[in-house]
Amino acid sequence: MNQRFERSPTKGKAPDMILFAAVLALVALGLVMVFSSSSYSARVRFDDSLYFFRRQALWAALGLLAMGVTQRLDYRIYRRYARIILTTGMGLLALSLVPGIGVLARGSQRAIMIGSFSVSPAELVKLCLVVFLAHGMCRAPAKMRSFWAGVWPAVLVVGGATAMILSQPDLGTAITVAGTSFIMLYVGGARVSHLFGMLVMSAPAVWHLIASEPYRMRRFLAFLDPWADPMESGFHIIQSLYALGAGRLLGVGLGGSHQKFLYLPEQHTDFIFAILGEELGFLGATLILVLFGVVLWRGLTIAACAPDTFGGLLASGITVMIVLQAVINIGVVTSVMPITGIPLPFISYGGSSLMVTMMSAGILLNISRYSVRAGGNST
């Protein structure tokens, strides 16, 4: 992305209402599906069928407030405090790894308890890294053509964050961070040869990471043939495919899922798309894909129309971060990709993910208000 002439923001411009409507639709569908998919397990575990829904609704309300704030806050302020933002995020991530502070659940230490709620710093670090990379790349865009002067410093920062996330362990978030950063480096002007070289050099390390833990290897191979181990590594995928297959064209009806009765694990978090496909069918699943397609379209349009390089890079990074995570989640649920354990943005149960994603959408909406073309919601 070439350095742009810095323009003063235009006051009073409306944000991109198409993007705003798509985000609200995804959040609303997410609330409906969290209630439908979690009601039985919530009643079994907590004797309260609304347990997960109430918590998600609270996070959605807080997310709307946060999105309203970031939509009004001039996005250029993040450039001024980019180092502080990254340091804060990395500090919280480090705290989550400290015994006695970080919460250990299901073999992973990913969260910090705040009252009765758990917060995952890794979700915030994704956004912090996008801000930091956008700031670093627009400071000296010519350096991005040099591996050692431009690309390598960014790789060190991203690599450090990724290593900390992997130590939790959280492979899905680590993949999202690495993938988003890789695409941002390309958009920021890094040479394709440098990026390709990094892929080749990192491939052995990635393979070692997968092969070093038996459960990771089983998960990696399960998507190729889940029926080879139907009661263990292939169980998630098989139950997910059963749910999607049962939905057919129109679905079994909202609330009518059979897989949510504790057949499909993580039915309201990582595999919520399978329940959505079962209850709303192919048409409902297609609607979700269309809405994420709208987010991609409007996000890239906002990036192309941003008044400065920082705004363009920031919008590109946020858009890629959201859409890439959605692609990975849906790929896992449909057995196109290995299981990584990652929520579907705006849809899956999880306060940290929902809050950070809605904050990120607010930043996109703010950048759209300063579009260099006519109208913040122009095409």
Protein backbone atom coordinates (compact mmCIF):
# COMPACT_ATOMS: atom_id res chain seq x y z
CA MET A 1 0.00 0.00 0.00
CA ASN A 2 1.55 3.27 -1.09
CA GLN A 3 1.96 6.18 1.28
CA ARG A 4 -1.04 8.49 0.95
CA PHE A 5 -1.45 12.19 1.28
CA GLU A 6 -2.70 12.87 4.81
CA ARG A 7 -6.11 14.55 4.72
CA SER A 8 -7.93 16.24 7.54
CA PRO A 9 -11.01 14.35 8.72
CA THR A 10 -14.34 15.50 7.37
CA LYS A 11 -16.67 16.35 10.21
CA GLY A 12 -20.24 15.11 10.39
CA LYS A 13 -19.97 12.24 7.93
CA ALA A 14 -22.19 9.24 8.62
CA PRO A 15 -20.48 5.89 9.19
CA ASP A 16 -20.85 3.02 6.74
CA MET A 17 -24.42 1.96 7.44
CA ILE A 18 -24.17 -1.21 5.35
CA LEU A 19 -21.35 -2.47 7.57
CA PHE A 20 -23.22 -1.33 10.68
CA ALA A 21 -26.34 -3.24 9.63
CA ALA A 22 -24.33 -6.40 8.85
CA VAL A 23 -22.64 -6.30 12.27
CA LEU A 24 -25.95 -5.80 14.09
CA ALA A 25 -27.50 -8.67 12.12
CA LEU A 26 -24.62 -11.00 13.03
CA VAL A 27 -24.81 -10.05 16.72
CA ALA A 28 -28.60 -10.52 16.77
CA LEU A 29 -28.32 -13.93 15.07
CA GLY A 30 -25.56 -14.82 17.51
CA LEU A 31 -27.77 -14.08 20.51
CA VAL A 32 -30.60 -16.17 19.08
CA MET A 33 -28.27 -19.09 18.36
CA VAL A 34 -26.50 -18.90 21.73
CA PHE A 35 -29.88 -19.21 23.44
CA SER A 36 -31.04 -22.03 21.20
CA SER A 37 -27.81 -24.03 21.25
CA SER A 38 -27.02 -23.61 24.96
CA SER A 39 -30.41 -23.83 26.66
CA TYR A 40 -30.27 -27.59 27.32
CA SER A 41 -26.64 -27.74 28.47
CA ALA A 42 -27.21 -24.66 30.65
CA ARG A 43 -30.18 -26.35 32.31
CA VAL A 44 -28.16 -29.51 32.91
CA ARG A 45 -25.06 -27.73 34.24
CA PHE A 46 -26.56 -24.72 36.05
CA ASP A 47 -30.27 -25.54 36.35
CA ASP A 48 -30.91 -22.35 34.36
CA SER A 49 -31.62 -22.58 30.63
CA LEU A 50 -30.90 -18.84 30.24
CA TYR A 51 -27.48 -18.94 31.94
CA PHE A 52 -25.32 -18.54 28.82
CA PHE A 53 -27.82 -16.34 27.00
CA ARG A 54 -27.98 -13.78 29.81
CA ARG A 55 -24.21 -13.51 29.99
CA GLN A 56 -23.90 -13.20 26.22
CA ALA A 57 -26.67 -10.57 26.14
CA LEU A 58 -24.78 -8.56 28.77
CA TRP A 59 -21.58 -8.77 26.75
CA ALA A 60 -23.51 -7.77 23.61
CA ALA A 61 -24.86 -4.69 25.41
CA LEU A 62 -21.35 -3.78 26.59
CA GLY A 63 -20.09 -4.47 23.08
CA LEU A 64 -22.64 -2.07 21.59
CA LEU A 65 -21.48 0.57 24.05
CA ALA A 66 -17.83 -0.10 23.18
CA MET A 67 -18.62 -0.02 19.46
CA GLY A 68 -20.39 3.31 19.94
CA VAL A 69 -17.31 4.73 21.66
CA THR A 70 -14.79 3.48 19.08
CA GLN A 71 -17.09 4.59 16.26
CA ARG A 72 -16.93 8.15 17.63
CA LEU A 73 -13.24 8.18 18.62
CA ASP A 74 -10.86 9.46 15.92
CA TYR A 75 -8.97 6.35 14.78
CA ARG A 76 -5.68 8.29 14.50
CA ILE A 77 -5.39 8.36 18.28
CA TYR A 78 -4.46 4.65 18.18
CA ARG A 79 -1.37 5.53 16.15
CA ARG A 80 -0.24 7.93 18.86
CA TYR A 81 -0.51 5.29 21.57
CA ALA A 82 0.31 2.18 19.48
CA ARG A 83 3.26 1.11 21.65
CA ILE A 84 1.29 1.57 24.88
CA ILE A 85 -1.65 -0.36 23.42
CA LEU A 86 0.59 -3.29 22.45
CA THR A 87 2.47 -3.25 25.76
CA THR A 88 -0.81 -3.32 27.69
CA GLY A 89 -2.15 -6.22 25.65
CA MET A 90 1.06 -8.21 25.98
CA GLY A 91 1.19 -7.52 29.70
CA LEU A 92 -2.33 -8.88 30.19
CA LEU A 93 -1.43 -11.88 28.06
CA ALA A 94 1.60 -12.53 30.27
CA LEU A 95 -0.59 -12.27 33.40
CA SER A 96 -2.89 -14.97 32.07
CA LEU A 97 0.08 -17.35 32.11
CA VAL A 98 0.94 -16.66 35.76
CA PRO A 99 -0.24 -19.45 38.11
CA GLY A 100 -2.83 -18.14 40.53
CA ILE A 101 -3.82 -15.29 38.19
CA GLY A 102 -4.56 -17.09 34.96
CA VAL A 103 -7.56 -19.42 34.96
CA LEU A 104 -6.84 -23.05 34.10
CA ALA A 105 -9.70 -24.69 32.23
CA ARG A 106 -9.69 -27.82 30.04
CA GLY A 107 -5.90 -27.92 30.03
CA SER A 108 -5.50 -24.35 28.81
CA GLN A 109 -4.57 -21.23 30.76
CA ARG A 110 -6.10 -18.47 28.64
CA ALA A 111 -8.20 -16.23 30.88
CA ILE A 112 -8.13 -13.84 33.82
CA MET A 113 -11.08 -13.70 36.20
CA ILE A 114 -12.76 -10.32 36.71
CA GLY A 115 -15.51 -10.89 39.24
CA SER A 116 -17.61 -13.77 37.97
CA PHE A 117 -16.51 -13.24 34.37
CA SER A 118 -13.41 -14.60 32.63
CA VAL A 119 -11.58 -12.39 30.15
CA SER A 120 -9.23 -13.74 27.48
CA PRO A 121 -6.31 -11.32 26.85
CA ALA A 122 -5.39 -13.17 23.65
CA GLU A 123 -8.54 -11.76 22.02
CA LEU A 124 -7.41 -8.23 22.83
CA VAL A 125 -3.84 -8.90 21.68
CA LYS A 126 -5.12 -9.62 18.15
CA LEU A 127 -6.44 -6.07 17.88
CA CYS A 128 -3.39 -4.59 19.65
CA LEU A 129 -1.09 -6.23 17.09
CA VAL A 130 -3.14 -4.90 14.18
CA VAL A 131 -2.84 -1.36 15.58
CA PHE A 132 0.90 -1.75 16.21
CA LEU A 133 1.67 -3.22 12.78
CA ALA A 134 -0.36 -0.51 11.02
CA HIS A 135 1.58 2.14 12.97
CA GLY A 136 4.97 0.56 12.29
CA MET A 137 4.43 0.02 8.57
CA CYS A 138 3.18 3.53 7.85
CA ARG A 139 6.07 5.20 9.71
CA ALA A 140 8.65 4.21 7.07
CA PRO A 141 6.91 2.44 4.18
CA ALA A 142 10.11 2.26 2.13
CA LYS A 143 11.68 0.00 4.77
CA MET A 144 9.04 -2.65 4.10
CA ARG A 145 10.91 -3.55 0.91
CA SER A 146 13.84 -4.59 3.11
CA PHE A 147 13.57 -7.81 5.09
CA TRP A 148 15.90 -6.85 7.92
CA ALA A 149 14.85 -3.20 8.25
CA GLY A 150 11.10 -3.60 7.75
CA VAL A 151 9.79 -7.15 7.86
CA TRP A 152 12.04 -8.73 10.50
CA PRO A 153 11.16 -6.31 13.37
CA ALA A 154 7.46 -6.98 12.75
CA VAL A 155 8.10 -10.74 12.65
CA LEU A 156 9.85 -10.57 16.04
CA VAL A 157 6.89 -8.82 17.67
CA VAL A 158 4.30 -11.11 16.09
CA GLY A 159 6.43 -14.17 16.83
CA GLY A 160 6.70 -13.22 20.50
CA ALA A 161 2.94 -12.76 20.83
CA THR A 162 2.25 -15.98 18.93
CA ALA A 163 4.65 -17.95 21.15
CA MET A 164 2.88 -16.67 24.28
CA ILE A 165 -0.53 -17.59 22.86
CA LEU A 166 0.71 -21.06 21.88
CA SER A 167 2.01 -21.61 25.42
CA GLN A 168 -1.53 -21.27 26.81
CA PRO A 169 -2.08 -23.31 24.49
CA ASP A 170 -4.42 -21.67 21.96
CA LEU A 171 -3.60 -22.80 18.45
CA GLY A 172 -6.63 -21.20 16.80
CA THR A 173 -5.88 -17.69 18.03
CA ALA A 174 -2.19 -18.13 17.19
CA ILE A 175 -3.11 -19.04 13.60
CA THR A 176 -5.40 -16.00 13.36
CA VAL A 177 -2.66 -13.70 14.67
CA ALA A 178 -0.03 -15.12 12.31
CA GLY A 179 -2.37 -15.12 9.29
CA THR A 180 -3.62 -11.58 9.88
CA SER A 181 -0.07 -10.28 10.36
CA PHE A 182 1.13 -12.06 7.22
CA ILE A 183 -1.57 -10.45 5.08
CA MET A 184 -0.96 -7.04 6.67
CA LEU A 185 2.75 -7.28 5.79
CA TYR A 186 1.79 -7.99 2.20
CA VAL A 187 -0.64 -5.06 2.08
CA GLY A 188 1.99 -2.88 3.77
CA GLY A 189 4.47 -3.41 0.94
CA ALA A 190 6.59 -6.41 1.95
CA ARG A 191 8.13 -8.31 -0.95
CA VAL A 192 6.38 -11.52 -1.94
CA SER A 193 9.75 -13.29 -2.03
CA HIS A 194 10.36 -12.36 1.61
CA LEU A 195 6.94 -13.57 2.68
CA PHE A 196 7.26 -16.79 0.71
CA GLY A 197 10.69 -17.37 2.25
CA MET A 198 9.20 -16.97 5.73
CA LEU A 199 6.53 -19.54 4.94
CA VAL A 200 9.13 -22.04 3.74
CA MET A 201 11.39 -21.43 6.74
CA SER A 202 8.55 -21.67 9.27
CA ALA A 203 6.99 -24.84 7.84
CA PRO A 204 9.29 -27.27 9.76
CA ALA A 205 8.64 -25.42 13.03
CA VAL A 206 4.88 -25.56 12.46
CA TRP A 207 5.03 -29.26 11.69
CA HIS A 208 7.13 -29.90 14.80
CA LEU A 209 4.59 -27.95 16.85
CA ILE A 210 1.77 -30.16 15.58
CA ALA A 211 3.68 -33.44 15.79
CA SER A 212 5.14 -32.77 19.27
CA GLU A 213 1.76 -33.18 20.96
CA PRO A 214 -0.19 -36.38 20.22
CA TYR A 215 -3.58 -34.66 20.64
CA ARG A 216 -2.61 -32.02 18.06
CA MET A 217 -1.56 -34.65 15.57
CA ARG A 218 -4.81 -36.56 16.11
CA ARG A 219 -6.80 -33.37 15.58
CA PHE A 220 -4.78 -32.47 12.50
CA LEU A 221 -5.40 -35.84 10.87
CA ALA A 222 -9.02 -36.24 12.05
CA PHE A 223 -10.51 -33.90 9.45
CA LEU A 224 -9.08 -36.07 6.66
CA ASP A 225 -10.98 -39.15 7.87
CA PRO A 226 -12.95 -38.54 11.08
CA TRP A 227 -14.54 -42.02 10.86
CA ALA A 228 -11.11 -43.59 11.40
CA ASP A 229 -11.46 -42.69 15.09
CA PRO A 230 -15.16 -41.92 15.54
CA MET A 231 -15.25 -41.95 19.35
CA GLU A 232 -12.16 -39.82 20.00
CA SER A 233 -10.40 -37.44 17.60
CA GLY A 234 -13.11 -37.65 14.93
CA PHE A 235 -16.07 -37.28 17.29
CA HIS A 236 -16.45 -33.47 17.02
CA ILE A 237 -16.34 -33.50 13.24
CA ILE A 238 -18.75 -36.42 12.83
CA GLN A 239 -21.34 -34.87 15.13
CA SER A 240 -20.90 -31.52 13.38
CA LEU A 241 -21.48 -33.11 9.97
CA TYR A 242 -24.55 -34.92 11.29
CA ALA A 243 -25.95 -31.57 12.41
CA LEU A 244 -25.26 -29.84 9.11
CA GLY A 245 -26.65 -32.77 7.13
CA ALA A 246 -29.85 -32.87 9.16
CA GLY A 247 -30.52 -29.20 8.39
CA ARG A 248 -30.89 -29.72 4.63
CA LEU A 249 -32.34 -26.68 2.86
CA LEU A 250 -34.59 -25.02 5.44
CA GLY A 251 -33.44 -26.64 8.69
CA VAL A 252 -35.33 -28.51 11.39
CA GLY A 253 -36.60 -25.26 12.86
CA LEU A 254 -35.27 -22.83 15.44
CA GLY A 255 -34.83 -24.67 18.73
CA GLY A 256 -35.33 -28.07 17.07
CA SER A 257 -31.71 -29.25 17.05
CA HIS A 258 -31.01 -32.77 18.26
CA GLN A 259 -27.21 -32.38 18.35
CA LYS A 260 -27.40 -29.71 21.05
CA PHE A 261 -28.57 -32.37 23.53
CA LEU A 262 -24.93 -32.95 24.49
CA TYR A 263 -24.14 -34.96 21.37
CA LEU A 264 -22.04 -32.19 19.82
CA PRO A 265 -19.35 -30.79 22.17
CA GLU A 266 -18.84 -26.99 22.27
CA GLN A 267 -22.24 -26.58 20.65
CA HIS A 268 -22.63 -22.94 21.71
CA THR A 269 -18.98 -21.90 21.24
CA ASP A 270 -16.64 -23.28 18.56
CA PHE A 271 -19.28 -25.44 16.83
CA ILE A 272 -22.26 -23.11 16.98
CA PHE A 273 -22.29 -22.88 13.18
CA ALA A 274 -23.20 -26.59 13.04
CA ILE A 275 -26.26 -26.01 15.25
CA LEU A 276 -27.17 -22.99 13.14
CA GLY A 277 -26.95 -25.12 9.99
CA GLU A 278 -29.08 -27.83 11.61
CA GLU A 279 -31.83 -25.48 12.77
CA LEU A 280 -31.84 -22.92 9.94
CA GLY A 281 -30.61 -25.15 7.15
CA PHE A 282 -28.53 -24.33 4.11
CA LEU A 283 -30.32 -21.00 3.69
CA GLY A 284 -29.52 -19.92 7.24
CA ALA A 285 -25.87 -20.94 6.88
CA THR A 286 -25.71 -19.09 3.56
CA LEU A 287 -27.09 -15.97 5.23
CA ILE A 288 -24.17 -16.03 7.68
CA LEU A 289 -21.71 -16.40 4.81
CA VAL A 290 -23.34 -13.49 2.99
CA LEU A 291 -23.14 -11.27 6.08
CA PHE A 292 -19.44 -12.01 6.52
CA GLY A 293 -19.03 -11.35 2.81
CA VAL A 294 -20.60 -7.92 3.39
CA VAL A 295 -18.14 -7.29 6.24
CA LEU A 296 -15.27 -8.21 3.90
CA TRP A 297 -16.62 -6.02 1.08
CA ARG A 298 -17.27 -2.97 3.23
CA GLY A 299 -14.06 -3.40 5.24
CA LEU A 300 -11.87 -3.49 2.13
CA THR A 301 -13.80 -0.58 0.65
CA ILE A 302 -13.19 1.44 3.82
CA ALA A 303 -9.49 0.53 3.65
CA ALA A 304 -9.28 1.65 0.02
CA CYS A 305 -11.03 4.94 0.78
CA ALA A 306 -9.18 5.77 4.01
CA PRO A 307 -7.63 9.26 4.06
CA ASP A 308 -4.17 8.05 5.12
CA THR A 309 -1.95 5.00 5.08
CA PHE A 310 -2.48 4.23 8.76
CA GLY A 311 -6.25 4.19 8.31
CA GLY A 312 -5.97 1.94 5.26
CA LEU A 313 -3.68 -0.53 7.00
CA LEU A 314 -5.75 -0.49 10.18
CA ALA A 315 -8.98 -1.12 8.26
CA SER A 316 -7.34 -3.89 6.23
CA GLY A 317 -5.99 -5.58 9.35
CA ILE A 318 -9.28 -5.47 11.24
CA THR A 319 -11.22 -6.77 8.24
CA VAL A 320 -8.79 -9.65 7.70
CA MET A 321 -8.76 -10.45 11.43
CA ILE A 322 -12.54 -10.84 11.55
CA VAL A 323 -13.07 -12.62 8.23
CA LEU A 324 -10.07 -14.94 8.57
CA GLN A 325 -11.34 -16.11 11.95
CA ALA A 326 -14.77 -16.76 10.44
CA VAL A 327 -13.22 -18.73 7.55
CA ILE A 328 -11.19 -20.88 9.95
CA ASN A 329 -14.17 -21.56 12.22
CA ILE A 330 -16.50 -22.52 9.37
CA GLY A 331 -13.72 -24.54 7.75
CA VAL A 332 -13.31 -26.56 10.95
CA VAL A 333 -17.05 -27.10 11.41
CA THR A 334 -17.45 -28.32 7.82
CA SER A 335 -14.37 -30.59 8.07
CA VAL A 336 -12.42 -28.61 5.49
CA MET A 337 -9.71 -27.73 8.03
CA PRO A 338 -8.23 -29.40 11.13
CA ILE A 339 -9.82 -28.61 14.50
CA THR A 340 -8.13 -25.56 16.04
CA GLY A 341 -10.63 -24.31 18.62
CA ILE A 342 -11.65 -20.82 17.57
CA PRO A 343 -14.98 -18.96 17.97
CA LEU A 344 -17.13 -17.67 15.13
CA PRO A 345 -16.97 -13.83 15.35
CA PHE A 346 -20.16 -12.12 16.57
CA ILE A 347 -21.94 -15.52 16.80
CA SER A 348 -20.19 -17.85 19.25
CA TYR A 349 -20.64 -17.60 23.01
CA GLY A 350 -17.74 -15.75 24.59
CA GLY A 351 -17.62 -12.26 26.06
CA SER A 352 -14.00 -11.41 25.24
CA SER A 353 -14.35 -12.37 21.59
CA LEU A 354 -17.63 -10.51 21.18
CA MET A 355 -16.39 -7.37 22.92
CA VAL A 356 -13.13 -7.11 20.98
CA THR A 357 -14.80 -7.88 17.64
CA MET A 358 -17.46 -5.21 18.20
CA MET A 359 -14.80 -2.69 19.28
CA SER A 360 -12.92 -3.51 16.08
CA ALA A 361 -16.07 -3.00 14.01
CA GLY A 362 -16.48 0.39 15.69
CA ILE A 363 -12.97 1.39 14.59
CA LEU A 364 -13.85 0.37 11.03
CA LEU A 365 -16.99 2.50 11.21
CA ASN A 366 -14.95 5.46 12.46
CA ILE A 367 -12.48 5.17 9.56
CA SER A 368 -15.43 5.09 7.17
CA ARG A 369 -16.54 8.51 8.46
CA TYR A 370 -13.34 10.04 7.05
CA SER A 371 -13.58 8.41 3.64
CA VAL A 372 -11.93 10.42 0.86
CA ARG A 373 -14.83 9.59 -1.43
CA ALA A 374 -18.27 11.07 -1.23
CA GLY A 375 -20.14 9.79 1.79
CA GLY A 376 -18.98 7.52 4.57
CA ASN A 377 -21.34 4.84 3.32
CA SER A 378 -20.47 5.14 -0.34
CA THR A 379 -19.31 2.26 -2.44
